[in-house]
N, C-alpha and C. Protein backbone atom coordinates (compact mmCIF):
# COMPACT_ATOMS: atom_id res chain seq x y z
N MET A 1 5.88 -9.69 17.36
CA MET A 1 6.50 -10.57 16.36
C MET A 1 6.29 -9.84 14.96
N PRO A 2 7.37 -9.59 14.21
CA PRO A 2 7.22 -8.95 12.90
C PRO A 2 6.52 -9.88 11.89
N HIS A 3 5.84 -9.29 10.98
CA HIS A 3 5.18 -10.06 9.90
C HIS A 3 6.06 -9.99 8.68
N SER A 4 6.92 -10.97 8.49
CA SER A 4 7.84 -10.97 7.39
C SER A 4 7.17 -11.16 6.04
N HIS A 5 5.95 -11.68 5.99
CA HIS A 5 5.27 -11.89 4.77
C HIS A 5 4.57 -10.62 4.26
N LEU A 6 4.62 -9.56 5.02
CA LEU A 6 3.97 -8.32 4.62
C LEU A 6 4.94 -7.50 3.84
N PRO A 7 4.48 -6.72 2.83
CA PRO A 7 5.39 -5.81 2.14
C PRO A 7 5.88 -4.69 3.00
N PRO A 8 7.00 -4.08 2.69
CA PRO A 8 7.46 -2.97 3.54
C PRO A 8 6.55 -1.78 3.43
N GLY A 9 6.60 -0.92 4.39
CA GLY A 9 5.75 0.26 4.36
C GLY A 9 6.13 1.27 5.36
N LEU A 10 5.30 2.36 5.39
CA LEU A 10 5.67 3.46 6.22
C LEU A 10 5.40 3.07 7.72
N LYS A 11 6.12 3.81 8.56
CA LYS A 11 5.95 3.66 10.00
C LYS A 11 4.90 4.64 10.44
N GLY A 12 4.01 4.16 11.29
CA GLY A 12 2.91 4.99 11.74
C GLY A 12 1.72 4.80 10.81
N TYR A 13 0.67 5.53 11.11
CA TYR A 13 -0.54 5.41 10.34
C TYR A 13 -0.77 6.50 9.28
N LEU A 14 -1.27 6.13 8.14
CA LEU A 14 -1.56 7.07 7.09
C LEU A 14 -2.61 8.12 7.51
N LEU A 15 -3.48 7.66 8.44
CA LEU A 15 -4.49 8.55 8.95
C LEU A 15 -3.91 9.88 9.43
N PHE A 16 -2.71 9.81 10.03
CA PHE A 16 -2.08 11.04 10.54
C PHE A 16 -1.29 11.82 9.48
N LYS A 17 -1.25 11.28 8.30
CA LYS A 17 -0.53 11.94 7.19
C LYS A 17 -1.44 12.34 6.03
N LEU A 18 -2.76 12.42 6.29
CA LEU A 18 -3.73 12.71 5.28
C LEU A 18 -3.49 14.07 4.59
N SER A 19 -3.08 15.04 5.31
CA SER A 19 -2.85 16.36 4.72
C SER A 19 -1.84 16.27 3.56
N LYS A 20 -0.72 15.53 3.79
CA LYS A 20 0.25 15.41 2.71
C LYS A 20 -0.30 14.69 1.50
N LEU A 21 -1.08 13.60 1.80
CA LEU A 21 -1.70 12.79 0.70
C LEU A 21 -2.77 13.61 -0.02
N GLN A 22 -3.55 14.39 0.65
CA GLN A 22 -4.57 15.22 0.01
C GLN A 22 -4.02 16.35 -0.84
N HIS A 23 -2.95 16.94 -0.41
CA HIS A 23 -2.41 18.12 -1.16
C HIS A 23 -1.51 17.79 -2.26
N GLN A 24 -0.76 16.66 -2.12
CA GLN A 24 0.18 16.26 -3.14
C GLN A 24 0.23 14.76 -3.26
N PRO A 25 -0.88 14.18 -3.76
CA PRO A 25 -1.02 12.69 -3.74
C PRO A 25 0.03 12.03 -4.64
N ILE A 26 0.32 12.55 -5.83
CA ILE A 26 1.27 11.91 -6.74
C ILE A 26 2.68 11.96 -6.10
N GLU A 27 3.05 13.08 -5.59
CA GLU A 27 4.39 13.20 -4.97
C GLU A 27 4.48 12.34 -3.74
N TYR A 28 3.44 12.31 -2.93
CA TYR A 28 3.45 11.48 -1.73
C TYR A 28 3.59 10.00 -2.04
N LEU A 29 2.73 9.53 -2.88
CA LEU A 29 2.76 8.08 -3.24
C LEU A 29 4.00 7.74 -3.99
N GLY A 30 4.48 8.69 -4.87
CA GLY A 30 5.73 8.50 -5.54
C GLY A 30 6.95 8.37 -4.60
N GLY A 31 6.86 9.10 -3.52
CA GLY A 31 7.92 8.97 -2.49
C GLY A 31 7.84 7.62 -1.81
N MET A 32 6.65 7.13 -1.59
CA MET A 32 6.47 5.78 -1.00
C MET A 32 7.10 4.73 -1.88
N TRP A 33 6.90 4.87 -3.19
CA TRP A 33 7.46 3.95 -4.19
C TRP A 33 8.99 4.04 -4.14
N ARG A 34 9.55 5.26 -4.17
CA ARG A 34 10.98 5.38 -4.16
C ARG A 34 11.60 4.81 -2.92
N GLU A 35 10.97 4.96 -1.79
CA GLU A 35 11.50 4.52 -0.51
C GLU A 35 11.34 3.00 -0.32
N TYR A 36 10.15 2.46 -0.65
CA TYR A 36 9.85 1.11 -0.30
C TYR A 36 9.78 0.10 -1.50
N GLY A 37 9.64 0.61 -2.69
CA GLY A 37 9.61 -0.30 -3.84
C GLY A 37 8.23 -0.45 -4.49
N ASP A 38 8.10 -1.47 -5.30
CA ASP A 38 6.89 -1.66 -6.12
C ASP A 38 5.65 -2.15 -5.35
N LEU A 39 5.81 -2.66 -4.16
CA LEU A 39 4.69 -3.08 -3.34
C LEU A 39 4.88 -2.47 -2.01
N VAL A 40 3.92 -1.67 -1.60
CA VAL A 40 4.05 -0.88 -0.36
C VAL A 40 2.82 -1.11 0.56
N ARG A 41 3.04 -1.38 1.78
CA ARG A 41 2.00 -1.48 2.77
C ARG A 41 1.75 -0.13 3.38
N LEU A 42 0.51 0.33 3.39
CA LEU A 42 0.12 1.58 3.97
C LEU A 42 -0.88 1.35 5.11
N PRO A 43 -0.40 1.32 6.33
CA PRO A 43 -1.36 1.15 7.45
C PRO A 43 -2.20 2.47 7.60
N ILE A 44 -3.47 2.28 7.56
CA ILE A 44 -4.39 3.40 7.64
C ILE A 44 -4.63 3.79 9.04
N MET A 45 -5.02 2.79 9.86
CA MET A 45 -5.27 2.96 11.26
C MET A 45 -5.15 1.53 11.86
N PRO A 46 -5.18 1.40 13.15
CA PRO A 46 -5.07 0.05 13.72
C PRO A 46 -6.08 -0.89 13.17
N GLY A 47 -5.58 -2.05 12.63
CA GLY A 47 -6.43 -3.08 12.05
C GLY A 47 -6.83 -2.90 10.58
N LEU A 48 -6.41 -1.80 9.98
CA LEU A 48 -6.75 -1.54 8.55
C LEU A 48 -5.54 -1.04 7.77
N SER A 49 -5.14 -1.77 6.74
CA SER A 49 -4.04 -1.40 5.91
C SER A 49 -4.44 -1.54 4.41
N LEU A 50 -3.74 -0.74 3.58
CA LEU A 50 -3.84 -0.83 2.18
C LEU A 50 -2.51 -1.32 1.61
N ASN A 51 -2.56 -2.09 0.52
CA ASN A 51 -1.32 -2.43 -0.15
C ASN A 51 -1.32 -1.74 -1.49
N LEU A 52 -0.29 -0.92 -1.75
CA LEU A 52 -0.15 -0.15 -2.94
C LEU A 52 0.73 -0.94 -3.94
N ALA A 53 0.14 -1.43 -5.03
CA ALA A 53 0.82 -2.21 -5.98
C ALA A 53 1.17 -1.27 -7.19
N ILE A 54 2.49 -1.00 -7.34
CA ILE A 54 2.93 -0.06 -8.38
C ILE A 54 3.26 -0.73 -9.66
N HIS A 55 3.92 -1.83 -9.62
CA HIS A 55 4.38 -2.50 -10.85
C HIS A 55 3.20 -3.17 -11.58
N PRO A 56 3.13 -3.07 -12.88
CA PRO A 56 2.08 -3.69 -13.60
C PRO A 56 1.89 -5.18 -13.42
N ASP A 57 3.01 -5.90 -13.15
CA ASP A 57 2.89 -7.35 -12.91
C ASP A 57 2.15 -7.63 -11.61
N HIS A 58 2.36 -6.76 -10.57
CA HIS A 58 1.61 -6.93 -9.36
C HIS A 58 0.12 -6.64 -9.57
N ALA A 59 -0.20 -5.61 -10.28
CA ALA A 59 -1.59 -5.29 -10.56
C ALA A 59 -2.29 -6.42 -11.31
N GLU A 60 -1.62 -6.98 -12.31
CA GLU A 60 -2.19 -8.11 -13.07
C GLU A 60 -2.38 -9.30 -12.14
N HIS A 61 -1.42 -9.58 -11.27
CA HIS A 61 -1.55 -10.70 -10.36
C HIS A 61 -2.75 -10.54 -9.43
N ILE A 62 -2.95 -9.33 -8.91
CA ILE A 62 -4.02 -9.06 -7.94
C ILE A 62 -5.38 -9.00 -8.62
N LEU A 63 -5.46 -8.29 -9.78
CA LEU A 63 -6.72 -8.01 -10.41
C LEU A 63 -7.22 -9.09 -11.38
N SER A 64 -6.31 -9.88 -11.91
CA SER A 64 -6.66 -10.80 -12.96
C SER A 64 -6.24 -12.23 -12.69
N THR A 65 -4.95 -12.47 -12.65
CA THR A 65 -4.48 -13.80 -12.54
C THR A 65 -4.89 -14.57 -11.30
N HIS A 66 -4.83 -13.93 -10.11
CA HIS A 66 -5.16 -14.59 -8.87
C HIS A 66 -6.17 -13.75 -8.04
N GLN A 67 -7.15 -13.22 -8.68
CA GLN A 67 -8.09 -12.38 -7.99
C GLN A 67 -8.82 -13.07 -6.87
N GLU A 68 -8.97 -14.39 -6.92
CA GLU A 68 -9.66 -15.16 -5.87
C GLU A 68 -8.89 -15.14 -4.56
N ARG A 69 -7.61 -14.80 -4.55
CA ARG A 69 -6.84 -14.75 -3.37
C ARG A 69 -6.98 -13.45 -2.58
N TYR A 70 -7.62 -12.46 -3.14
CA TYR A 70 -7.68 -11.15 -2.55
C TYR A 70 -9.15 -10.78 -2.37
N ARG A 71 -9.35 -10.14 -1.19
CA ARG A 71 -10.74 -9.72 -0.93
C ARG A 71 -10.89 -8.23 -1.06
N LYS A 72 -12.04 -7.80 -1.40
CA LYS A 72 -12.39 -6.37 -1.55
C LYS A 72 -13.21 -5.98 -0.29
N PRO A 73 -13.04 -4.77 0.17
CA PRO A 73 -13.87 -4.35 1.24
C PRO A 73 -15.34 -4.28 0.84
N ASP A 74 -16.20 -4.60 1.77
CA ASP A 74 -17.66 -4.62 1.48
C ASP A 74 -18.22 -3.21 1.43
């Protein structure tokens, strides 16, 4: 069952694309932004994902306005 409430993101796991991310991080993440938009889901490995918030409004929402809705890893 697809998770329609999740932001769009890359197919497969970022774990297998680390070389691209390590050698050209700005270009790689910029490509994610161009392809998927201002909010991108980056699956790291099974059971672990990051959400990349590009737009300043998203960052403000997550870090300031509604920080209680988001958890940080321990």
